[in-house]
């Protein structure tokens, strides 16, 4: 498995704008060499222009620390409830 490739991919959230262009968000979790990475991407279509043609703005955020902290809190809460 290559970095940032995942078999555990969430379904993208697709939003259709007023001009008919679609943007979508997606989170990808991967584990490479024992290191977990979680990346959230947002794809925003750009209006076509003569200079650049069709385009897409992609914003990528590393949310690994946030996701791992949330999972740790959930595990701790589960252990607390079970005791």
N, C-alpha and C. Protein backbone atom coordinates (compact mmCIF):
# COMPACT_ATOMS: atom_id res chain seq x y z
N UNK A 1 0.84 -1.18 0.00
CA UNK A 1 0.00 0.00 0.00
C UNK A 1 0.89 1.24 0.00
N UNK A 2 0.64 2.15 -0.91
CA UNK A 2 1.41 3.40 -0.99
C UNK A 2 0.91 4.39 0.06
N UNK A 3 1.73 5.39 0.41
CA UNK A 3 1.25 6.40 1.37
C UNK A 3 -0.03 7.07 0.89
N UNK A 4 -0.93 7.31 1.82
CA UNK A 4 -2.21 7.96 1.59
C UNK A 4 -3.14 7.17 0.69
N UNK A 5 -2.85 5.90 0.48
CA UNK A 5 -3.79 5.03 -0.23
C UNK A 5 -4.47 4.20 0.83
N UNK A 6 -5.75 4.00 0.72
CA UNK A 6 -6.45 3.30 1.77
C UNK A 6 -7.57 2.45 1.23
N UNK A 7 -7.76 1.30 1.85
CA UNK A 7 -8.92 0.49 1.51
C UNK A 7 -10.10 0.90 2.39
N UNK A 8 -9.84 1.69 3.44
CA UNK A 8 -10.87 2.16 4.34
C UNK A 8 -11.17 3.63 4.02
N UNK A 9 -11.74 3.87 2.87
CA UNK A 9 -12.01 5.23 2.40
C UNK A 9 -13.46 5.57 2.66
N UNK A 10 -13.69 6.72 3.25
CA UNK A 10 -15.07 7.11 3.49
C UNK A 10 -15.70 7.59 2.18
N UNK A 11 -17.01 7.54 2.13
CA UNK A 11 -17.70 8.03 0.94
C UNK A 11 -17.56 9.54 0.85
N UNK A 12 -17.28 10.05 -0.34
CA UNK A 12 -17.17 11.51 -0.47
C UNK A 12 -18.53 12.18 -0.27
N UNK A 13 -18.50 13.37 0.27
CA UNK A 13 -19.69 14.19 0.41
C UNK A 13 -19.71 15.13 -0.79
N UNK A 14 -20.72 15.02 -1.64
CA UNK A 14 -20.79 15.82 -2.87
C UNK A 14 -21.79 16.94 -2.69
N UNK A 15 -21.37 18.14 -3.05
CA UNK A 15 -22.23 19.32 -2.94
C UNK A 15 -22.33 19.95 -4.32
N UNK A 16 -23.54 20.19 -4.80
CA UNK A 16 -23.74 20.81 -6.10
C UNK A 16 -24.03 22.29 -5.88
N UNK A 17 -23.17 23.14 -6.43
CA UNK A 17 -23.33 24.58 -6.26
C UNK A 17 -24.38 25.14 -7.20
N UNK A 18 -24.66 26.43 -7.03
CA UNK A 18 -25.70 27.07 -7.83
C UNK A 18 -25.34 27.13 -9.31
N UNK A 19 -24.05 27.10 -9.64
CA UNK A 19 -23.64 27.13 -11.04
C UNK A 19 -23.50 25.73 -11.62
N UNK A 20 -23.91 24.70 -10.87
CA UNK A 20 -23.86 23.34 -11.36
C UNK A 20 -22.53 22.64 -11.12
N UNK A 21 -21.52 23.39 -10.66
CA UNK A 21 -20.23 22.77 -10.38
C UNK A 21 -20.31 22.02 -9.06
N UNK A 22 -19.61 20.91 -8.98
CA UNK A 22 -19.67 20.07 -7.79
C UNK A 22 -18.37 20.12 -7.02
N UNK A 23 -18.49 20.22 -5.71
CA UNK A 23 -17.32 20.10 -4.85
C UNK A 23 -17.55 18.89 -3.95
N UNK A 24 -16.49 18.32 -3.43
CA UNK A 24 -16.67 17.20 -2.53
C UNK A 24 -15.54 17.12 -1.51
N UNK A 25 -15.87 16.51 -0.38
CA UNK A 25 -14.93 16.30 0.72
C UNK A 25 -14.73 14.80 0.90
N UNK A 26 -13.54 14.41 1.32
CA UNK A 26 -13.26 13.01 1.53
C UNK A 26 -12.15 12.87 2.56
N UNK A 27 -12.25 11.85 3.41
CA UNK A 27 -11.19 11.54 4.37
C UNK A 27 -10.59 10.19 4.00
N UNK A 28 -9.28 10.10 4.09
CA UNK A 28 -8.58 8.86 3.77
C UNK A 28 -7.67 8.51 4.94
N UNK A 29 -7.77 7.27 5.39
CA UNK A 29 -6.91 6.77 6.47
C UNK A 29 -6.00 5.71 5.89
N UNK A 30 -4.71 5.83 6.18
CA UNK A 30 -3.76 4.84 5.68
C UNK A 30 -2.76 4.50 6.77
N UNK A 31 -2.18 3.33 6.66
CA UNK A 31 -1.14 2.91 7.59
C UNK A 31 0.02 2.39 6.76
N UNK A 32 1.16 3.04 6.89
CA UNK A 32 2.34 2.67 6.13
C UNK A 32 3.49 2.52 7.11
N UNK A 33 4.09 1.35 7.14
CA UNK A 33 5.22 1.11 8.03
C UNK A 33 4.87 1.32 9.49
N UNK A 34 3.63 0.99 9.88
CA UNK A 34 3.21 1.15 11.26
C UNK A 34 2.82 2.56 11.64
N UNK A 35 2.86 3.50 10.70
CA UNK A 35 2.49 4.89 10.97
C UNK A 35 1.13 5.17 10.35
N UNK A 36 0.20 5.62 11.19
CA UNK A 36 -1.15 5.94 10.73
C UNK A 36 -1.21 7.40 10.33
N UNK A 37 -1.82 7.67 9.19
CA UNK A 37 -2.04 9.04 8.71
C UNK A 37 -3.51 9.16 8.32
N UNK A 38 -4.13 10.28 8.68
CA UNK A 38 -5.50 10.56 8.27
C UNK A 38 -5.48 11.92 7.60
N UNK A 39 -5.93 11.94 6.35
CA UNK A 39 -5.91 13.16 5.56
C UNK A 39 -7.32 13.44 5.06
N UNK A 40 -7.75 14.68 5.21
CA UNK A 40 -9.04 15.12 4.71
C UNK A 40 -8.79 16.01 3.50
N UNK A 41 -9.49 15.76 2.42
CA UNK A 41 -9.32 16.60 1.24
C UNK A 41 -10.65 17.24 0.86
N UNK A 42 -10.56 18.43 0.33
CA UNK A 42 -11.72 19.16 -0.17
C UNK A 42 -11.39 19.56 -1.60
N UNK A 43 -12.27 19.20 -2.52
CA UNK A 43 -12.07 19.50 -3.94
C UNK A 43 -13.12 20.52 -4.36
N UNK A 44 -12.65 21.65 -4.85
CA UNK A 44 -13.54 22.75 -5.22
C UNK A 44 -13.29 23.11 -6.69
N UNK A 45 -14.29 22.94 -7.54
CA UNK A 45 -14.10 23.28 -8.95
C UNK A 45 -13.97 24.78 -9.13
N UNK A 46 -13.14 25.16 -10.06
CA UNK A 46 -12.96 26.58 -10.40
C UNK A 46 -13.70 26.86 -11.69
N UNK A 47 -14.19 28.06 -11.82
CA UNK A 47 -14.88 28.43 -13.05
C UNK A 47 -13.89 28.40 -14.20
N UNK A 48 -14.29 27.85 -15.33
CA UNK A 48 -13.38 27.80 -16.48
C UNK A 48 -12.98 29.21 -16.93
N UNK A 49 -11.74 29.34 -17.37
CA UNK A 49 -11.28 30.62 -17.89
C UNK A 49 -10.42 30.36 -19.13
N UNK A 50 -10.19 31.39 -19.91
CA UNK A 50 -9.37 31.25 -21.12
C UNK A 50 -7.92 30.94 -20.78
N UNK A 51 -7.44 31.51 -19.68
CA UNK A 51 -6.03 31.35 -19.32
C UNK A 51 -5.70 29.95 -18.83
N UNK A 52 -6.57 29.39 -17.98
CA UNK A 52 -6.23 28.09 -17.40
C UNK A 52 -7.19 26.97 -17.75
N UNK A 53 -8.29 27.28 -18.41
CA UNK A 53 -9.27 26.24 -18.74
C UNK A 53 -10.00 25.79 -17.50
N UNK A 54 -10.42 24.53 -17.48
CA UNK A 54 -11.09 23.98 -16.31
C UNK A 54 -10.06 23.77 -15.21
N UNK A 55 -10.47 23.93 -13.99
CA UNK A 55 -9.54 23.75 -12.88
C UNK A 55 -10.23 23.26 -11.63
N UNK A 56 -9.42 22.76 -10.72
CA UNK A 56 -9.92 22.25 -9.44
C UNK A 56 -8.96 22.69 -8.36
N UNK A 57 -9.49 23.27 -7.30
CA UNK A 57 -8.69 23.63 -6.14
C UNK A 57 -8.82 22.49 -5.15
N UNK A 58 -7.70 21.91 -4.74
CA UNK A 58 -7.72 20.83 -3.77
C UNK A 58 -7.03 21.30 -2.49
N UNK A 59 -7.76 21.24 -1.38
CA UNK A 59 -7.23 21.62 -0.08
C UNK A 59 -7.07 20.32 0.71
N UNK A 60 -5.87 20.09 1.21
CA UNK A 60 -5.60 18.86 1.94
C UNK A 60 -5.19 19.20 3.37
N UNK A 61 -5.81 18.54 4.34
CA UNK A 61 -5.51 18.78 5.75
C UNK A 61 -5.10 17.47 6.41
N UNK A 62 -4.01 17.50 7.17
CA UNK A 62 -3.60 16.34 7.95
C UNK A 62 -4.35 16.41 9.28
N UNK A 63 -5.31 15.51 9.48
CA UNK A 63 -6.11 15.50 10.70
C UNK A 63 -5.76 14.31 11.58
N UNK A 64 -4.57 13.76 11.41
CA UNK A 64 -4.14 12.58 12.15
C UNK A 64 -4.23 12.78 13.66
N UNK A 65 -3.64 13.85 14.16
CA UNK A 65 -3.61 14.08 15.61
C UNK A 65 -5.02 14.18 16.19
N UNK A 66 -5.90 14.86 15.50
CA UNK A 66 -7.28 15.02 15.97
C UNK A 66 -8.01 13.69 16.02
N UNK A 67 -7.88 12.90 14.96
CA UNK A 67 -8.57 11.61 14.89
C UNK A 67 -8.02 10.64 15.93
N UNK A 68 -6.70 10.57 16.07
CA UNK A 68 -6.11 9.66 17.05
C UNK A 68 -6.49 10.06 18.48
N UNK A 69 -6.55 11.36 18.77
CA UNK A 69 -6.97 11.82 20.10
C UNK A 69 -8.43 11.44 20.36
N UNK A 70 -9.27 11.58 19.36
CA UNK A 70 -10.68 11.22 19.51
C UNK A 70 -10.82 9.72 19.76
N UNK A 71 -10.08 8.90 19.02
CA UNK A 71 -10.13 7.46 19.22
C UNK A 71 -9.62 7.08 20.62
N UNK A 72 -8.58 7.75 21.09
CA UNK A 72 -8.05 7.50 22.43
C UNK A 72 -9.10 7.84 23.50
N UNK A 73 -9.78 8.98 23.34
CA UNK A 73 -10.84 9.36 24.29
C UNK A 73 -11.96 8.33 24.29
N UNK A 74 -12.34 7.85 23.10
CA UNK A 74 -13.41 6.84 23.01
C UNK A 74 -13.00 5.54 23.71
N UNK A 75 -11.74 5.11 23.53
CA UNK A 75 -11.25 3.90 24.20
C UNK A 75 -11.26 4.09 25.71
N UNK A 76 -10.78 5.24 26.18
CA UNK A 76 -10.76 5.52 27.62
C UNK A 76 -12.16 5.53 28.20
N UNK A 77 -13.10 6.13 27.50
CA UNK A 77 -14.47 6.20 27.97
C UNK A 77 -15.07 4.79 28.02
N UNK A 78 -14.78 3.97 27.03
CA UNK A 78 -15.29 2.59 27.01
C UNK A 78 -14.73 1.81 28.19
N UNK A 79 -13.42 1.96 28.48
CA UNK A 79 -12.81 1.28 29.61
C UNK A 79 -13.43 1.75 30.92
N UNK A 80 -13.69 3.03 31.02
CA UNK A 80 -14.28 3.60 32.22
C UNK A 80 -15.69 3.04 32.47
N UNK A 81 -16.45 2.92 31.41
CA UNK A 81 -17.83 2.40 31.52
C UNK A 81 -17.80 0.92 31.88
N UNK A 82 -16.86 0.17 31.35
CA UNK A 82 -16.79 -1.27 31.59
C UNK A 82 -16.33 -1.62 33.00
N UNK A 83 -15.69 -0.68 33.70
CA UNK A 83 -15.20 -0.99 35.05
C UNK A 83 -16.22 -0.72 36.13
